[in-house]
Amino acid sequence: MSDEIIKELWQIKDSIAQEHGYDIEALVTYLQTKKRSEDQQVVDLRALKETAGQDASEGHGRV
């Protein structure tokens, strides 16, 4: 099942790249515009990862 999901994601990626002539700058602009235009919440897990790393280094991590 996961292979099907990966295959579909690659097809979508390839289609978007082709639509923008495989130009990385055009792709970045398109994706940034799309990100801003959609009313979806973006979750940034970097802060959580940093906190987990600090807890582990202080001996507060899970064992």
N, C-alpha and C. Protein backbone atom coordinates (compact mmCIF):
# COMPACT_ATOMS: atom_id res chain seq x y z
N MET A 1 0.81 -1.19 0.00
CA MET A 1 0.00 0.00 0.00
C MET A 1 0.86 1.26 0.00
N SER A 2 1.91 1.30 0.81
CA SER A 2 2.75 2.50 0.85
C SER A 2 3.43 2.74 -0.49
N ASP A 3 3.73 1.68 -1.22
CA ASP A 3 4.33 1.85 -2.55
C ASP A 3 3.38 2.60 -3.47
N GLU A 4 2.09 2.34 -3.35
CA GLU A 4 1.09 3.03 -4.16
C GLU A 4 1.06 4.52 -3.82
N ILE A 5 1.16 4.83 -2.56
CA ILE A 5 1.16 6.22 -2.11
C ILE A 5 2.40 6.94 -2.62
N ILE A 6 3.55 6.31 -2.48
CA ILE A 6 4.80 6.90 -2.97
C ILE A 6 4.73 7.10 -4.48
N LYS A 7 4.22 6.13 -5.19
CA LYS A 7 4.10 6.23 -6.64
C LYS A 7 3.21 7.42 -7.02
N GLU A 8 2.09 7.58 -6.32
CA GLU A 8 1.19 8.69 -6.61
C GLU A 8 1.86 10.03 -6.30
N LEU A 9 2.59 10.11 -5.20
CA LEU A 9 3.28 11.35 -4.86
C LEU A 9 4.31 11.73 -5.91
N TRP A 10 5.06 10.74 -6.39
CA TRP A 10 6.07 11.00 -7.43
C TRP A 10 5.40 11.46 -8.72
N GLN A 11 4.24 10.89 -9.05
CA GLN A 11 3.52 11.31 -10.26
C GLN A 11 3.06 12.76 -10.13
N ILE A 12 2.57 13.13 -8.97
CA ILE A 12 2.14 14.51 -8.73
C ILE A 12 3.34 15.45 -8.83
N LYS A 13 4.43 15.07 -8.17
CA LYS A 13 5.66 15.89 -8.21
C LYS A 13 6.14 16.07 -9.64
N ASP A 14 6.18 15.00 -10.40
CA ASP A 14 6.64 15.07 -11.78
C ASP A 14 5.73 15.94 -12.64
N SER A 15 4.43 15.85 -12.40
CA SER A 15 3.47 16.65 -13.15
C SER A 15 3.66 18.13 -12.87
N ILE A 16 3.81 18.49 -11.59
CA ILE A 16 4.02 19.89 -11.22
C ILE A 16 5.34 20.40 -11.80
N ALA A 17 6.38 19.60 -11.73
CA ALA A 17 7.68 20.00 -12.29
C ALA A 17 7.58 20.22 -13.79
N GLN A 18 6.89 19.34 -14.47
CA GLN A 18 6.74 19.47 -15.91
C GLN A 18 5.95 20.73 -16.27
N GLU A 19 4.90 21.02 -15.51
CA GLU A 19 4.09 22.22 -15.76
C GLU A 19 4.92 23.50 -15.66
N HIS A 20 6.00 23.46 -14.89
CA HIS A 20 6.84 24.64 -14.69
C HIS A 20 8.19 24.52 -15.39
N GLY A 21 8.25 23.65 -16.38
CA GLY A 21 9.43 23.52 -17.22
C GLY A 21 10.67 23.07 -16.46
N TYR A 22 10.48 22.36 -15.35
CA TYR A 22 11.58 21.86 -14.53
C TYR A 22 12.50 22.99 -14.06
N ASP A 23 11.95 24.22 -13.99
CA ASP A 23 12.70 25.39 -13.54
C ASP A 23 12.52 25.52 -12.03
N ILE A 24 13.60 25.35 -11.27
CA ILE A 24 13.52 25.32 -9.81
C ILE A 24 12.98 26.64 -9.26
N GLU A 25 13.37 27.77 -9.85
CA GLU A 25 12.87 29.05 -9.36
C GLU A 25 11.37 29.19 -9.59
N ALA A 26 10.90 28.72 -10.74
CA ALA A 26 9.46 28.76 -11.02
C ALA A 26 8.71 27.83 -10.07
N LEU A 27 9.30 26.68 -9.78
CA LEU A 27 8.67 25.74 -8.84
C LEU A 27 8.57 26.33 -7.45
N VAL A 28 9.64 26.96 -6.98
CA VAL A 28 9.63 27.56 -5.64
C VAL A 28 8.58 28.66 -5.57
N THR A 29 8.54 29.52 -6.58
CA THR A 29 7.55 30.59 -6.60
C THR A 29 6.13 30.03 -6.58
N TYR A 30 5.88 29.02 -7.39
CA TYR A 30 4.57 28.38 -7.45
C TYR A 30 4.19 27.79 -6.09
N LEU A 31 5.10 27.06 -5.48
CA LEU A 31 4.79 26.40 -4.21
C LEU A 31 4.61 27.42 -3.08
N GLN A 32 5.40 28.48 -3.07
CA GLN A 32 5.24 29.51 -2.05
C GLN A 32 3.89 30.21 -2.21
N THR A 33 3.51 30.51 -3.44
CA THR A 33 2.21 31.14 -3.70
C THR A 33 1.08 30.22 -3.29
N LYS A 34 1.20 28.96 -3.62
CA LYS A 34 0.17 27.98 -3.28
C LYS A 34 0.05 27.85 -1.76
N LYS A 35 1.17 27.83 -1.08
CA LYS A 35 1.17 27.71 0.38
C LYS A 35 0.44 28.89 1.02
N ARG A 36 0.69 30.10 0.51
CA ARG A 36 0.06 31.30 1.07
C ARG A 36 -1.41 31.39 0.72
N SER A 37 -1.81 30.85 -0.43
CA SER A 37 -3.18 31.03 -0.90
C SER A 37 -4.17 30.03 -0.28
N GLU A 38 -3.70 28.93 0.19
CA GLU A 38 -4.59 27.93 0.75
C GLU A 38 -4.83 28.20 2.23
N ASP A 39 -6.05 27.96 2.64
CA ASP A 39 -6.42 28.19 4.04
C ASP A 39 -6.21 26.90 4.82
N GLN A 40 -4.95 26.54 4.98
CA GLN A 40 -4.60 25.33 5.71
C GLN A 40 -3.58 25.68 6.77
N GLN A 41 -3.70 25.00 7.87
CA GLN A 41 -2.76 25.21 8.96
C GLN A 41 -1.46 24.45 8.65
N VAL A 42 -0.35 25.15 8.80
CA VAL A 42 0.96 24.53 8.60
C VAL A 42 1.55 24.24 9.97
N VAL A 43 1.97 23.02 10.17
CA VAL A 43 2.54 22.61 11.45
C VAL A 43 4.05 22.58 11.31
N ASP A 44 4.74 23.30 12.17
CA ASP A 44 6.20 23.34 12.16
C ASP A 44 6.69 22.56 13.38
N LEU A 45 7.29 21.42 13.14
CA LEU A 45 7.72 20.55 14.23
C LEU A 45 9.15 20.80 14.67
N ARG A 46 9.81 21.81 14.09
CA ARG A 46 11.19 22.08 14.46
C ARG A 46 11.33 22.43 15.93
N ALA A 47 10.43 23.24 16.47
CA ALA A 47 10.51 23.63 17.88
C ALA A 47 10.33 22.41 18.78
N LEU A 48 9.43 21.53 18.43
CA LEU A 48 9.20 20.31 19.20
C LEU A 48 10.45 19.43 19.19
N LYS A 49 11.08 19.32 18.04
CA LYS A 49 12.29 18.51 17.91
C LYS A 49 13.43 19.10 18.75
N GLU A 50 13.56 20.43 18.72
CA GLU A 50 14.61 21.08 19.50
C GLU A 50 14.37 20.88 20.99
N THR A 51 13.11 21.00 21.42
CA THR A 51 12.78 20.79 22.83
C THR A 51 13.07 19.36 23.25
N ALA A 52 12.75 18.41 22.41
CA ALA A 52 13.01 17.00 22.72
C ALA A 52 14.51 16.76 22.85
N GLY A 53 15.30 17.38 21.99
CA GLY A 53 16.75 17.23 22.05
C GLY A 53 17.32 17.83 23.32
N GLN A 54 16.78 18.96 23.74
CA GLN A 54 17.25 19.59 24.97
C GLN A 54 16.88 18.75 26.18
N ASP A 55 15.66 18.20 26.19
CA ASP A 55 15.23 17.36 27.31
C ASP A 55 16.13 16.14 27.43
N ALA A 56 16.48 15.54 26.31
CA ALA A 56 17.32 14.34 26.33
C ALA A 56 18.72 14.67 26.84
N SER A 57 19.24 15.82 26.43
CA SER A 57 20.59 16.17 26.85
C SER A 57 20.63 16.58 28.34
N GLU A 58 19.48 16.98 28.88
CA GLU A 58 19.42 17.36 30.29
C GLU A 58 19.03 16.19 31.17
N GLY A 59 18.83 15.02 30.57
CA GLY A 59 18.47 13.85 31.35
C GLY A 59 16.98 13.74 31.64
N HIS A 60 16.18 14.54 30.94
CA HIS A 60 14.73 14.52 31.14
C HIS A 60 14.01 13.71 30.08
N GLY A 61 14.73 13.13 29.17
CA GLY A 61 14.11 12.36 28.10
C GLY A 61 13.57 11.05 28.60
N ARG A 62 12.76 10.43 27.79
CA ARG A 62 12.20 9.13 28.15
C ARG A 62 13.27 8.05 28.11
N VAL A 63 13.09 7.06 28.92
CA VAL A 63 14.03 5.95 28.96
C VAL A 63 13.37 4.73 28.41
